Amino acid sequence: MLRVVNRVLAGLAGLLLFLLGGAVLAAGLGLPVPSWWPWRGPEAVLLGEVRRQRWEGQGWWWPLVIASLAVVVLLALWWLLAQFRRSRLGEVLVDSGDGEGVLLRGRAMEAVLEREAEDLDGVARAQVALYGRRTAPAARVRLLLEPFASPGRTLHRFSAEALAHARDSAGLVSLPAEVRLRARKHRAKRVT
């Protein structure tokens, strides 16, 4: 979801800035601009003296402008910080039983889960990504099934074997997983 919001916001911001910059550049170069455009030439200002003085007597105007700009800045900061969030879990905290924890690399656990899933009968390929907190990870799993595979049986075996083994070996209480199944494309068999 964040990826879609990110792309839409980046696209809209880029388009708006491109159009605004192009229009300001056109006005600055003396090219014709629409009649509603506030800047007419290189000497034009953003907020003229008449417009500025029009709102000076109003007590609510400047606090509203400052609050609006503060909201815009906070939204921009939130968006910037969201770019640095990792979608994959870097490490999983394994309880070692002595009051201290051991860190298990997330990629190592993903690789083991993928390998065990691919060893299941009917699974052609597996992709695993861990997310969540390091004390309570969750998994996103994609399984590419062979044409002969039974989705229900394969999903049950994955949950009972590979997922349970990963959960138990990492000492986790639970390891929730979102599993997406897709069938491998194949040619139809001829029947004679």
Foldseek 3Di string as FASTA:
>chain_A
DLVVVLVVVVVVVVVVVVVVVVQVVCQAVQHDDDPPDQRRYVPGDDADPVNVVVCPVPPVPVVVVVVVVVVVVVVVVVNVVVVPDDQADQWAWFDPPPPHTDTDGQVVLQVQLFVVLCPDPFFPGKGWGWGDDNDAIEIEMETEGEPVDDVVVSVVCSVVPSLVVSCVVRVHPHHHYHYHYHYDDDDDDDDD
